[in-house]
Structures are given as C-alpha cells and as structure tokens.
N, C-alpha and C. Protein backbone atom coordinates (compact mmCIF):
# COMPACT_ATOMS: atom_id res chain seq x y z
N MET A 1 94.33 119.32 125.06
CA MET A 1 94.31 119.09 123.63
C MET A 1 93.09 118.24 123.29
N PRO A 2 92.31 118.67 122.33
CA PRO A 2 91.10 117.90 121.99
C PRO A 2 91.45 116.58 121.29
N GLU A 3 90.56 115.63 121.49
CA GLU A 3 90.75 114.31 120.87
C GLU A 3 90.46 114.40 119.36
N PRO A 4 91.27 113.70 118.54
CA PRO A 4 91.01 113.75 117.09
C PRO A 4 89.65 113.15 116.74
N THR A 5 89.03 113.73 115.75
CA THR A 5 87.72 113.25 115.33
C THR A 5 87.87 112.21 114.22
N THR A 6 86.77 111.59 113.88
CA THR A 6 86.78 110.61 112.80
C THR A 6 87.16 111.27 111.48
N LEU A 7 86.72 112.50 111.29
CA LEU A 7 87.05 113.22 110.06
C LEU A 7 88.56 113.41 109.91
N SER A 8 89.23 113.71 111.00
CA SER A 8 90.69 113.89 110.91
C SER A 8 91.39 112.58 110.55
N TYR A 9 90.91 111.46 111.09
CA TYR A 9 91.46 110.16 110.71
C TYR A 9 91.23 109.87 109.23
N LEU A 10 90.04 110.21 108.75
CA LEU A 10 89.74 109.96 107.34
C LEU A 10 90.55 110.86 106.41
N VAL A 11 90.83 112.07 106.84
CA VAL A 11 91.67 112.97 106.02
C VAL A 11 93.09 112.42 105.94
N VAL A 12 93.64 111.96 107.07
CA VAL A 12 94.98 111.36 107.06
C VAL A 12 95.00 110.11 106.18
N ALA A 13 93.96 109.28 106.28
CA ALA A 13 93.88 108.08 105.45
C ALA A 13 93.83 108.44 103.97
N ALA A 14 93.08 109.48 103.62
CA ALA A 14 93.00 109.90 102.21
C ALA A 14 94.35 110.39 101.71
N LEU A 15 95.07 111.15 102.54
CA LEU A 15 96.39 111.63 102.13
C LEU A 15 97.37 110.48 101.93
N VAL A 16 97.37 109.52 102.85
CA VAL A 16 98.26 108.37 102.72
C VAL A 16 97.91 107.55 101.48
N PHE A 17 96.61 107.41 101.22
CA PHE A 17 96.19 106.66 100.03
C PHE A 17 96.64 107.36 98.75
N VAL A 18 96.53 108.67 98.70
CA VAL A 18 96.95 109.43 97.52
C VAL A 18 98.46 109.31 97.32
N ILE A 19 99.23 109.37 98.41
CA ILE A 19 100.68 109.20 98.31
C ILE A 19 101.01 107.83 97.74
N GLY A 20 100.32 106.79 98.20
CA GLY A 20 100.55 105.45 97.68
C GLY A 20 100.15 105.31 96.22
N ALA A 21 99.03 105.90 95.85
CA ALA A 21 98.57 105.81 94.46
C ALA A 21 99.52 106.52 93.52
N VAL A 22 100.01 107.68 93.93
CA VAL A 22 100.99 108.40 93.10
C VAL A 22 102.27 107.58 92.98
N GLY A 23 102.69 106.95 94.06
CA GLY A 23 103.88 106.12 94.02
C GLY A 23 103.74 104.94 93.08
N VAL A 24 102.57 104.33 93.05
CA VAL A 24 102.34 103.20 92.13
C VAL A 24 102.37 103.68 90.68
N MET A 25 101.81 104.85 90.42
CA MET A 25 101.77 105.34 89.05
C MET A 25 103.12 105.86 88.57
N VAL A 26 103.94 106.40 89.46
CA VAL A 26 105.19 107.04 89.07
C VAL A 26 106.36 106.07 89.04
N ARG A 27 106.45 105.19 90.00
CA ARG A 27 107.62 104.31 90.12
C ARG A 27 107.51 103.11 89.20
N ARG A 28 108.67 102.58 88.79
CA ARG A 28 108.70 101.40 87.93
C ARG A 28 109.30 100.20 88.64
N ASN A 29 109.98 100.40 89.75
CA ASN A 29 110.58 99.32 90.51
C ASN A 29 109.47 98.52 91.20
N PRO A 30 109.42 97.20 90.98
CA PRO A 30 108.33 96.40 91.57
C PRO A 30 108.33 96.44 93.10
N LEU A 31 109.49 96.49 93.70
CA LEU A 31 109.55 96.52 95.16
C LEU A 31 108.95 97.82 95.71
N ILE A 32 109.27 98.92 95.08
CA ILE A 32 108.71 100.22 95.49
C ILE A 32 107.21 100.23 95.23
N MET A 33 106.78 99.63 94.14
CA MET A 33 105.35 99.59 93.85
C MET A 33 104.60 98.79 94.92
N PHE A 34 105.19 97.67 95.36
CA PHE A 34 104.55 96.90 96.43
C PHE A 34 104.51 97.70 97.73
N MET A 35 105.54 98.47 97.99
CA MET A 35 105.52 99.30 99.19
C MET A 35 104.43 100.36 99.11
N CYS A 36 104.22 100.91 97.93
CA CYS A 36 103.16 101.91 97.75
C CYS A 36 101.78 101.26 97.88
N ILE A 37 101.65 100.03 97.41
CA ILE A 37 100.39 99.31 97.59
C ILE A 37 100.14 99.06 99.07
N GLU A 38 101.20 98.76 99.82
CA GLU A 38 101.07 98.59 101.27
C GLU A 38 100.60 99.89 101.91
N LEU A 39 101.11 101.03 101.44
CA LEU A 39 100.64 102.32 101.95
C LEU A 39 99.15 102.48 101.71
N MET A 40 98.71 102.12 100.51
CA MET A 40 97.29 102.24 100.19
C MET A 40 96.45 101.32 101.07
N LEU A 41 96.93 100.10 101.30
CA LEU A 41 96.20 99.18 102.18
C LEU A 41 96.14 99.70 103.61
N ASN A 42 97.23 100.30 104.08
CA ASN A 42 97.21 100.85 105.44
C ASN A 42 96.27 102.05 105.55
N ALA A 43 96.15 102.81 104.48
CA ALA A 43 95.19 103.93 104.49
C ALA A 43 93.76 103.41 104.59
N VAL A 44 93.48 102.35 103.85
CA VAL A 44 92.14 101.76 103.92
C VAL A 44 91.90 101.16 105.31
N ASN A 45 92.94 100.54 105.88
CA ASN A 45 92.81 100.00 107.23
C ASN A 45 92.50 101.09 108.24
N LEU A 46 93.17 102.22 108.11
CA LEU A 46 92.92 103.34 109.01
C LEU A 46 91.48 103.84 108.89
N SER A 47 90.98 103.91 107.68
CA SER A 47 89.59 104.36 107.52
C SER A 47 88.60 103.33 108.06
N PHE A 48 88.90 102.04 107.88
CA PHE A 48 88.03 100.99 108.45
C PHE A 48 87.98 101.11 109.97
N VAL A 49 89.14 101.27 110.60
CA VAL A 49 89.17 101.34 112.06
C VAL A 49 88.49 102.61 112.56
N ALA A 50 88.70 103.73 111.87
CA ALA A 50 88.08 104.99 112.29
C ALA A 50 86.55 104.90 112.19
N LEU A 51 86.08 104.34 111.09
CA LEU A 51 84.62 104.24 110.94
C LEU A 51 84.02 103.18 111.87
N ALA A 52 84.78 102.12 112.14
CA ALA A 52 84.29 101.12 113.09
C ALA A 52 84.19 101.72 114.49
N ARG A 53 85.14 102.58 114.82
CA ARG A 53 85.09 103.24 116.12
C ARG A 53 83.91 104.21 116.19
N GLU A 54 83.69 104.91 115.10
CA GLU A 54 82.57 105.87 115.07
C GLU A 54 81.22 105.17 115.19
N LEU A 55 81.08 104.04 114.51
CA LEU A 55 79.81 103.33 114.49
C LEU A 55 79.69 102.29 115.60
N THR A 56 80.72 102.18 116.45
CA THR A 56 80.80 101.17 117.51
C THR A 56 80.46 99.78 116.97
N ASP A 57 81.12 99.44 115.90
CA ASP A 57 80.92 98.15 115.23
C ASP A 57 82.29 97.49 115.06
N ILE A 58 82.35 96.19 115.25
CA ILE A 58 83.64 95.50 115.21
C ILE A 58 83.96 94.97 113.81
N ASP A 59 83.06 95.08 112.86
CA ASP A 59 83.30 94.54 111.52
C ASP A 59 84.52 95.16 110.84
N GLY A 60 84.70 96.46 110.95
CA GLY A 60 85.84 97.11 110.32
C GLY A 60 87.15 96.64 110.91
N GLN A 61 87.18 96.45 112.22
CA GLN A 61 88.40 95.98 112.87
C GLN A 61 88.70 94.53 112.51
N SER A 62 87.69 93.72 112.32
CA SER A 62 87.94 92.33 111.93
C SER A 62 88.46 92.26 110.49
N ILE A 63 87.99 93.13 109.61
CA ILE A 63 88.51 93.17 108.24
C ILE A 63 89.98 93.58 108.26
N VAL A 64 90.33 94.56 109.10
CA VAL A 64 91.71 95.01 109.22
C VAL A 64 92.60 93.88 109.71
N PHE A 65 92.10 93.07 110.63
CA PHE A 65 92.88 91.93 111.12
C PHE A 65 93.24 91.00 109.97
N PHE A 66 92.29 90.68 109.13
CA PHE A 66 92.57 89.76 108.02
C PHE A 66 93.47 90.40 106.96
N VAL A 67 93.39 91.70 106.78
CA VAL A 67 94.28 92.37 105.83
C VAL A 67 95.71 92.38 106.37
N LEU A 68 95.87 92.53 107.68
CA LEU A 68 97.20 92.58 108.27
C LEU A 68 97.84 91.20 108.40
N VAL A 69 97.07 90.13 108.32
CA VAL A 69 97.62 88.79 108.41
C VAL A 69 98.33 88.40 107.11
N ALA A 70 97.99 89.01 106.01
CA ALA A 70 98.50 88.61 104.70
C ALA A 70 99.84 89.23 104.27
N PRO A 71 100.49 90.13 105.01
CA PRO A 71 101.75 90.71 104.50
C PRO A 71 102.89 89.74 104.23
N PRO A 72 103.12 88.70 105.01
CA PRO A 72 104.26 87.84 104.66
C PRO A 72 104.21 87.27 103.24
N PRO A 73 103.10 86.74 102.75
CA PRO A 73 103.09 86.28 101.35
C PRO A 73 103.30 87.42 100.35
N ARG A 74 102.80 88.62 100.66
CA ARG A 74 103.00 89.75 99.75
C ARG A 74 104.47 90.13 99.70
N SER A 75 105.14 90.13 100.84
CA SER A 75 106.56 90.49 100.84
C SER A 75 107.40 89.42 100.15
N TRP A 76 107.02 88.16 100.29
CA TRP A 76 107.73 87.10 99.56
C TRP A 76 107.57 87.29 98.05
N LEU A 77 106.38 87.67 97.64
CA LEU A 77 106.15 87.91 96.22
C LEU A 77 106.99 89.08 95.72
N ALA A 78 107.10 90.13 96.54
CA ALA A 78 107.91 91.28 96.15
C ALA A 78 109.38 90.90 96.04
N LEU A 79 109.87 90.12 96.98
CA LEU A 79 111.26 89.70 96.91
C LEU A 79 111.51 88.79 95.72
N ALA A 80 110.57 87.89 95.44
CA ALA A 80 110.74 86.99 94.30
C ALA A 80 110.73 87.77 92.98
N SER A 81 109.87 88.75 92.85
CA SER A 81 109.84 89.53 91.62
C SER A 81 111.10 90.38 91.49
N SER A 82 111.62 90.86 92.60
CA SER A 82 112.86 91.63 92.57
C SER A 82 114.02 90.74 92.14
N TRP A 83 114.08 89.53 92.67
CA TRP A 83 115.15 88.61 92.29
C TRP A 83 115.03 88.22 90.82
N ARG A 84 113.80 88.02 90.36
CA ARG A 84 113.60 87.65 88.95
C ARG A 84 114.01 88.79 88.02
N SER A 85 113.69 90.01 88.38
CA SER A 85 114.07 91.14 87.52
C SER A 85 115.59 91.28 87.47
N CYS A 86 116.28 90.98 88.55
CA CYS A 86 117.75 91.02 88.53
C CYS A 86 118.32 89.89 87.68
N ALA A 87 117.69 88.72 87.75
CA ALA A 87 118.17 87.58 86.97
C ALA A 87 117.95 87.82 85.48
N ILE A 88 116.87 88.49 85.12
CA ILE A 88 116.59 88.77 83.71
C ILE A 88 117.61 89.77 83.17
N ALA A 89 118.01 90.71 83.98
CA ALA A 89 118.97 91.73 83.54
C ALA A 89 120.41 91.22 83.62
N HIS A 90 120.62 89.95 83.93
CA HIS A 90 121.94 89.32 84.02
C HIS A 90 122.81 89.94 85.11
N HIS A 91 122.18 90.34 86.17
CA HIS A 91 122.91 90.83 87.32
C HIS A 91 122.90 89.74 88.39
N SER A 92 123.69 89.94 89.39
CA SER A 92 123.64 89.01 90.51
C SER A 92 122.37 89.28 91.31
N PRO A 93 121.89 88.30 92.07
CA PRO A 93 120.69 88.51 92.86
C PRO A 93 120.89 89.60 93.90
N PRO A 94 119.83 90.13 94.45
CA PRO A 94 119.96 91.15 95.48
C PRO A 94 120.78 90.63 96.66
N MET A 95 121.36 91.55 97.42
CA MET A 95 122.27 91.19 98.49
C MET A 95 121.62 90.29 99.54
N ILE A 96 120.35 90.49 99.83
CA ILE A 96 119.71 89.70 100.87
C ILE A 96 119.45 88.28 100.44
N LEU A 97 119.53 87.98 99.14
CA LEU A 97 119.28 86.63 98.67
C LEU A 97 120.57 85.86 98.41
N ARG A 98 121.71 86.50 98.57
CA ARG A 98 122.97 85.80 98.35
C ARG A 98 123.31 84.94 99.56
N ASN A 99 124.10 83.90 99.33
CA ASN A 99 124.52 83.03 100.44
C ASN A 99 125.69 83.65 101.18
C-alpha cells in the first residue's frame, strides 16, 4: 500500500475544516459550536504538520504544540457558557455541574 502524500493530508484537513465551519454556522448550542471550532483547529493542525513534514521544518509542529496546549481553558469556557445558558433559562445546571 503506498504511503499517503501531503496532498491527501491536506484534502482530509480541508474536509474536516468544512465540516467544522458548517457546524458553527448551523448549530446554535454553544457547546456544539465549541466542538466544531475544535474540529476546525484540528484541521489546521493537520495541515501544519503535513506541510512541516513536506518542508522538513519544525515550525509547523511547534505551532501545533502550542495550539494543543490550550484546550483545557477552552473547554472550561464552553462548560461555563453552557451552565450560564441553563441558568438564564431557569433550568437546573447541567448534570456534570451538580453536586
């Protein structure tokens, strides 16, 4: 089986990015929107790594490292916005935030 080329990685990254962009435009739930933004970031990460491998340069991989270090604050923000939207609608907080 032949090894995948850089073009195939970039095509997969473009498809994942389009799926994430459509999800951000179509969905209204903030948690789902953050998940779609994560999809878009992962697509960009894949293209950075593919092009860094093609050019034998470590800059793309170092950018991916810094992008992957930031998910915990993003997920906390998503959970906080989800809890706030439930509180505004006079519902109980989400199940994971209950005692």
